[in-house]
Structures are given as C-alpha cells and as structure tokens.
Amino acid sequence: MLKFWTTTQTTTRTLAIITSLTLGWIAPQAALGSSPEVAWNQFAQAMSVEQSDFTWKKDYPPSLQDGMTVKVTGYVVPVEAQPFFMSFLLVDDPQNCPFCGSGEGYGPVLEVQLKRPIAETPEFAQVTVEGTLRFVEDEYSSQLFRLVDAQVMD
C-alpha cells in the first residue's frame, strides 16, 4: 500500500530540515534520508578543559550521544606507517592536523578504530567513515571522541 504525505506533513518536514541545516544540526547529506551524517561544527562544540589537578573536565553537546551511530567525512591523518592499518585520526581540514599545526591549536579530531584493516591511505585523503561514536571518559586525557567499529564508506 502506498502512503502519500499530506501538504501539512511535507511542509512540516521541510521546515524541520531547513531549520536543522541552518543551525548546523545535520549535514546536507543527512537531510536526504541517508545515514546520520554529523557536521564537524557539532564536534567543535565539545569542550575539554584542564583542571588544576591536571585532570580534564569534558562537556559534550546534547546533539551528540555516546553510542550513537554516525557518518562523518574528513581527512585521514595516519598514526602509524603500515601497509594496512586499523586506526587513524580524522580531521575536518588538513590544516587542523594535530601533528603539523602552527601551534595555535587545532580543530576537532576523531580517533577512528576500524572493524577491518584497510590498505595504507595517503595522508589527508578525504574519506567518509561510519561507526559508533564513543565519548572518551578518561579524565587524564584531553581526547574527546573515538569512532569504533568503523568502516570506510565507498
């Protein structure tokens, strides 16, 4: 049986998508009904602040939930020189590489742990990965996010 959207339902859905895109809650690809793609500005809203006892206080935006499945597009920063690897860092912009920045800080970084190894990928190759978002709760690390059981999308 086919179900048709009423004009009110279509208008409401369109307004919700436009509002979400405008506020940066979803990436444009997610508005089309594909897997949930997270915009980098959502990761940038998270905070990690060093305390006087050398621990880190972390604050995460409500739009991101520990354990949610996300898809994100970014640039590969390898952490090992191997013919195949199971993990790498993902950044929103090659200039935000935590290893080669200008000392002025860098943007959000995702540690990506893959389900299956992939062939060595050139540094700063653009990829889309999908996996389970995990908050890093270690109070002795400033790291905020890890994407586990991830796979590189074609």
C-alpha atoms as a PDB file:
ATOM      1  CA  MET A   1       0.000   0.000   0.000  1.00  0.00           C
ATOM      2  CA  LEU A   2       1.372   3.411  -0.924  1.00  0.00           C
ATOM      3  CA  LYS A   3       1.263   6.156   1.641  1.00  0.00           C
ATOM      4  CA  PHE A   4       1.228   9.755   0.499  1.00  0.00           C
ATOM      5  CA  TRP A   5       2.376  12.708   2.563  1.00  0.00           C
ATOM      6  CA  THR A   6      -0.165  15.413   3.138  1.00  0.00           C
ATOM      7  CA  THR A   7       0.773  19.002   2.390  1.00  0.00           C
ATOM      8  CA  THR A   8       0.994  19.744   6.119  1.00  0.00           C
ATOM      9  CA  GLN A   9       3.321  16.789   6.738  1.00  0.00           C
ATOM     10  CA  THR A  10       5.538  17.734   3.804  1.00  0.00           C
ATOM     11  CA  THR A  11       5.698  21.387   4.895  1.00  0.00           C
ATOM     12  CA  THR A  12       6.494  20.422   8.495  1.00  0.00           C
ATOM     13  CA  ARG A  13       9.250  18.020   7.402  1.00  0.00           C
ATOM     14  CA  THR A  14      10.722  20.606   5.020  1.00  0.00           C
ATOM     15  CA  LEU A  15      10.772  23.270   7.732  1.00  0.00           C
ATOM     16  CA  ALA A  16      12.427  20.850  10.165  1.00  0.00           C
ATOM     17  CA  ILE A  17      15.133  20.022   7.611  1.00  0.00           C
ATOM     18  CA  ILE A  18      15.769  23.693   6.767  1.00  0.00           C
ATOM     19  CA  THR A  19      15.989  24.600  10.467  1.00  0.00           C
ATOM     20  CA  SER A  20      18.375  21.708  11.172  1.00  0.00           C
ATOM     21  CA  LEU A  21      20.599  22.633   8.226  1.00  0.00           C
ATOM     22  CA  THR A  22      20.634  26.320   9.191  1.00  0.00           C
ATOM     23  CA  LEU A  23      21.589  25.567  12.794  1.00  0.00           C
ATOM     24  CA  GLY A  24      24.194  23.013  11.720  1.00  0.00           C
ATOM     25  CA  TRP A  25      22.467  20.117  13.496  1.00  0.00           C
ATOM     26  CA  ILE A  26      22.692  17.904  10.435  1.00  0.00           C
ATOM     27  CA  ALA A  27      24.858  17.818   7.365  1.00  0.00           C
ATOM     28  CA  PRO A  28      23.181  18.353   3.971  1.00  0.00           C
ATOM     29  CA  GLN A  29      23.527  14.666   3.016  1.00  0.00           C
ATOM     30  CA  ALA A  30      21.567  13.627   6.125  1.00  0.00           C
ATOM     31  CA  ALA A  31      18.615  15.756   5.044  1.00  0.00           C
ATOM     32  CA  LEU A  32      18.149  13.467   2.065  1.00  0.00           C
ATOM     33  CA  GLY A  33      17.428  10.490   4.305  1.00  0.00           C
ATOM     34  CA  SER A  34      20.784   8.686   4.170  1.00  0.00           C
ATOM     35  CA  SER A  35      22.734   7.538   7.238  1.00  0.00           C
ATOM     36  CA  PRO A  36      23.100  10.106  10.023  1.00  0.00           C
ATOM     37  CA  GLU A  37      25.994  12.337   8.986  1.00  0.00           C
ATOM     38  CA  VAL A  38      27.362  14.557  11.722  1.00  0.00           C
ATOM     39  CA  ALA A  39      28.598  18.035  10.831  1.00  0.00           C
ATOM     40  CA  TRP A  40      32.032  18.969  12.194  1.00  0.00           C
ATOM     41  CA  ASN A  41      30.623  22.020  13.978  1.00  0.00           C
ATOM     42  CA  GLN A  42      28.833  19.615  16.346  1.00  0.00           C
ATOM     43  CA  PHE A  43      32.172  18.072  17.349  1.00  0.00           C
ATOM     44  CA  ALA A  44      33.643  21.566  17.728  1.00  0.00           C
ATOM     45  CA  GLN A  45      31.016  22.387  20.384  1.00  0.00           C
ATOM     46  CA  ALA A  46      32.537  19.831  22.781  1.00  0.00           C
ATOM     47  CA  MET A  47      34.933  21.208  25.383  1.00  0.00           C
ATOM     48  CA  SER A  48      37.865  19.701  27.262  1.00  0.00           C
ATOM     49  CA  VAL A  49      39.274  21.994  29.965  1.00  0.00           C
ATOM     50  CA  GLU A  50      42.341  21.182  32.052  1.00  0.00           C
ATOM     51  CA  GLN A  51      41.756  21.443  35.805  1.00  0.00           C
ATOM     52  CA  SER A  52      44.230  22.485  38.495  1.00  0.00           C
ATOM     53  CA  ASP A  53      44.784  18.812  39.447  1.00  0.00           C
ATOM     54  CA  PHE A  54      45.851  18.051  35.835  1.00  0.00           C
ATOM     55  CA  THR A  55      42.629  16.209  35.039  1.00  0.00           C
ATOM     56  CA  TRP A  56      40.314  17.215  32.204  1.00  0.00           C
ATOM     57  CA  LYS A  57      36.686  18.297  32.578  1.00  0.00           C
ATOM     58  CA  LYS A  58      34.691  17.437  29.471  1.00  0.00           C
ATOM     59  CA  ASP A  59      31.419  18.827  28.195  1.00  0.00           C
ATOM     60  CA  TYR A  60      29.599  17.353  25.199  1.00  0.00           C
ATOM     61  CA  PRO A  61      26.843  18.997  23.128  1.00  0.00           C
ATOM     62  CA  PRO A  62      23.366  17.485  23.533  1.00  0.00           C
ATOM     63  CA  SER A  63      23.198  16.792  19.771  1.00  0.00           C
ATOM     64  CA  LEU A  64      25.873  14.099  20.193  1.00  0.00           C
ATOM     65  CA  GLN A  65      25.199  10.998  22.262  1.00  0.00           C
ATOM     66  CA  ASP A  66      27.643   8.355  23.422  1.00  0.00           C
ATOM     67  CA  GLY A  67      26.901   5.161  21.464  1.00  0.00           C
ATOM     68  CA  MET A  68      25.100   6.777  18.530  1.00  0.00           C
ATOM     69  CA  THR A  69      25.892   5.591  15.002  1.00  0.00           C
ATOM     70  CA  VAL A  70      27.311   8.416  12.908  1.00  0.00           C
ATOM     71  CA  LYS A  71      28.753   9.030   9.484  1.00  0.00           C
ATOM     72  CA  VAL A  72      31.362  11.761   9.054  1.00  0.00           C
ATOM     73  CA  THR A  73      33.546  12.956   6.192  1.00  0.00           C
ATOM     74  CA  GLY A  74      37.028  14.233   6.884  1.00  0.00           C
ATOM     75  CA  TYR A  75      40.722  13.881   6.146  1.00  0.00           C
ATOM     76  CA  VAL A  76      42.961  10.958   7.166  1.00  0.00           C
ATOM     77  CA  VAL A  77      45.899  11.588   9.485  1.00  0.00           C
ATOM     78  CA  PRO A  78      47.791   8.270   9.775  1.00  0.00           C
ATOM     79  CA  VAL A  79      49.266   7.448  13.178  1.00  0.00           C
ATOM     80  CA  GLU A  80      51.413   4.510  12.004  1.00  0.00           C
ATOM     81  CA  ALA A  81      53.423   3.761   8.878  1.00  0.00           C
ATOM     82  CA  GLN A  82      51.982   0.348   7.990  1.00  0.00           C
ATOM     83  CA  PRO A  83      50.876  -1.276   4.703  1.00  0.00           C
ATOM     84  CA  PHE A  84      47.473  -1.897   6.357  1.00  0.00           C
ATOM     85  CA  PHE A  85      46.061  -0.132   9.365  1.00  0.00           C
ATOM     86  CA  MET A  86      43.190  -0.402  11.808  1.00  0.00           C
ATOM     87  CA  SER A  87      43.183   3.135  13.191  1.00  0.00           C
ATOM     88  CA  PHE A  88      43.850   6.710  12.165  1.00  0.00           C
ATOM     89  CA  LEU A  89      42.823  10.229  13.095  1.00  0.00           C
ATOM     90  CA  LEU A  90      40.163  12.094  11.159  1.00  0.00           C
ATOM     91  CA  VAL A  91      40.154  15.908  10.957  1.00  0.00           C
ATOM     92  CA  ASP A  92      37.756  18.348   9.329  1.00  0.00           C
ATOM     93  CA  ASP A  93      40.500  20.230   7.479  1.00  0.00           C
ATOM     94  CA  PRO A  94      44.099  19.201   6.653  1.00  0.00           C
ATOM     95  CA  GLN A  95      45.272  22.435   8.293  1.00  0.00           C
ATOM     96  CA  ASN A  96      43.828  21.136  11.582  1.00  0.00           C
ATOM     97  CA  CYS A  97      46.299  18.261  11.787  1.00  0.00           C
ATOM     98  CA  PRO A  98      47.321  17.928  15.466  1.00  0.00           C
ATOM     99  CA  PHE A  99      50.860  16.887  14.466  1.00  0.00           C
ATOM    100  CA  CYS A 100      51.624  19.616  11.957  1.00  0.00           C
ATOM    101  CA  GLY A 101      49.703  22.653  13.150  1.00  0.00           C
ATOM    102  CA  SER A 102      51.070  26.102  13.689  1.00  0.00           C
ATOM    103  CA  GLY A 103      50.898  25.932  17.483  1.00  0.00           C
ATOM    104  CA  GLU A 104      47.691  27.970  17.556  1.00  0.00           C
ATOM    105  CA  GLY A 105      45.645  24.880  18.361  1.00  0.00           C
ATOM    106  CA  TYR A 106      43.615  22.733  16.051  1.00  0.00           C
ATOM    107  CA  GLY A 107      40.026  21.781  15.390  1.00  0.00           C
ATOM    108  CA  PRO A 108      38.134  18.672  16.431  1.00  0.00           C
ATOM    109  CA  VAL A 109      39.840  15.317  15.979  1.00  0.00           C
ATOM    110  CA  LEU A 110      38.236  11.862  15.849  1.00  0.00           C
ATOM    111  CA  GLU A 111      40.222   8.751  16.597  1.00  0.00           C
ATOM    112  CA  VAL A 112      38.877   6.116  14.198  1.00  0.00           C
ATOM    113  CA  GLN A 113      39.136   2.408  15.035  1.00  0.00           C
ATOM    114  CA  LEU A 114      38.142   0.254  12.068  1.00  0.00           C
ATOM    115  CA  LYS A 115      36.302  -3.081  12.023  1.00  0.00           C
ATOM    116  CA  ARG A 116      38.627  -4.381   9.319  1.00  0.00           C
ATOM    117  CA  PRO A 117      42.058  -3.187   8.220  1.00  0.00           C
ATOM    118  CA  ILE A 118      42.332  -1.043   5.136  1.00  0.00           C
ATOM    119  CA  ALA A 119      45.291  -0.536   2.818  1.00  0.00           C
ATOM    120  CA  GLU A 120      47.527   2.370   3.679  1.00  0.00           C
ATOM    121  CA  THR A 121      45.766   5.571   2.694  1.00  0.00           C
ATOM    122  CA  PRO A 122      47.662   8.719   1.743  1.00  0.00           C
ATOM    123  CA  GLU A 123      47.866  11.415   4.376  1.00  0.00           C
ATOM    124  CA  PHE A 124      44.968  13.877   4.089  1.00  0.00           C
ATOM    125  CA  ALA A 125      42.945  11.673   1.735  1.00  0.00           C
ATOM    126  CA  GLN A 126      39.284  12.597   2.089  1.00  0.00           C
ATOM    127  CA  VAL A 127      37.147   9.705   3.361  1.00  0.00           C
ATOM    128  CA  THR A 128      33.710   9.116   4.820  1.00  0.00           C
ATOM    129  CA  VAL A 129      33.539   6.739   7.764  1.00  0.00           C
ATOM    130  CA  GLU A 130      30.602   5.306   9.644  1.00  0.00           C
ATOM    131  CA  GLY A 131      30.762   3.818  13.124  1.00  0.00           C
ATOM    132  CA  THR A 132      29.742   4.091  16.763  1.00  0.00           C
ATOM    133  CA  LEU A 133      30.605   7.364  18.467  1.00  0.00           C
ATOM    134  CA  ARG A 134      32.180   6.947  21.890  1.00  0.00           C
ATOM    135  CA  PHE A 135      32.964   9.710  24.343  1.00  0.00           C
ATOM    136  CA  VAL A 136      36.429   9.370  25.865  1.00  0.00           C
ATOM    137  CA  GLU A 137      35.754   9.494  29.600  1.00  0.00           C
ATOM    138  CA  ASP A 138      39.406   9.235  30.699  1.00  0.00           C
ATOM    139  CA  GLU A 139      39.875  12.254  32.961  1.00  0.00           C
ATOM    140  CA  TYR A 140      43.633  12.221  32.352  1.00  0.00           C
ATOM    141  CA  SER A 141      43.268  12.731  28.592  1.00  0.00           C
ATOM    142  CA  SER A 142      42.068  15.784  26.689  1.00  0.00           C
ATOM    143  CA  GLN A 143      40.779  13.500  23.917  1.00  0.00           C
ATOM    144  CA  LEU A 144      37.021  13.814  23.438  1.00  0.00           C
ATOM    145  CA  PHE A 145      35.874  11.355  20.766  1.00  0.00           C
ATOM    146  CA  ARG A 146      36.523   7.912  19.356  1.00  0.00           C
ATOM    147  CA  LEU A 147      34.688   6.271  16.452  1.00  0.00           C
ATOM    148  CA  VAL A 148      34.699   2.490  16.974  1.00  0.00           C
ATOM    149  CA  ASP A 149      33.702  -0.458  14.789  1.00  0.00           C
ATOM    150  CA  ALA A 150      34.019   1.970  11.896  1.00  0.00           C
ATOM    151  CA  GLN A 151      34.152   1.293   8.206  1.00  0.00           C
ATOM    152  CA  VAL A 152      35.253   3.455   5.318  1.00  0.00           C
ATOM    153  CA  MET A 153      32.309   4.119   3.024  1.00  0.00           C
ATOM    154  CA  ASP A 154      32.668   3.916  -0.766  1.00  0.00           C
END
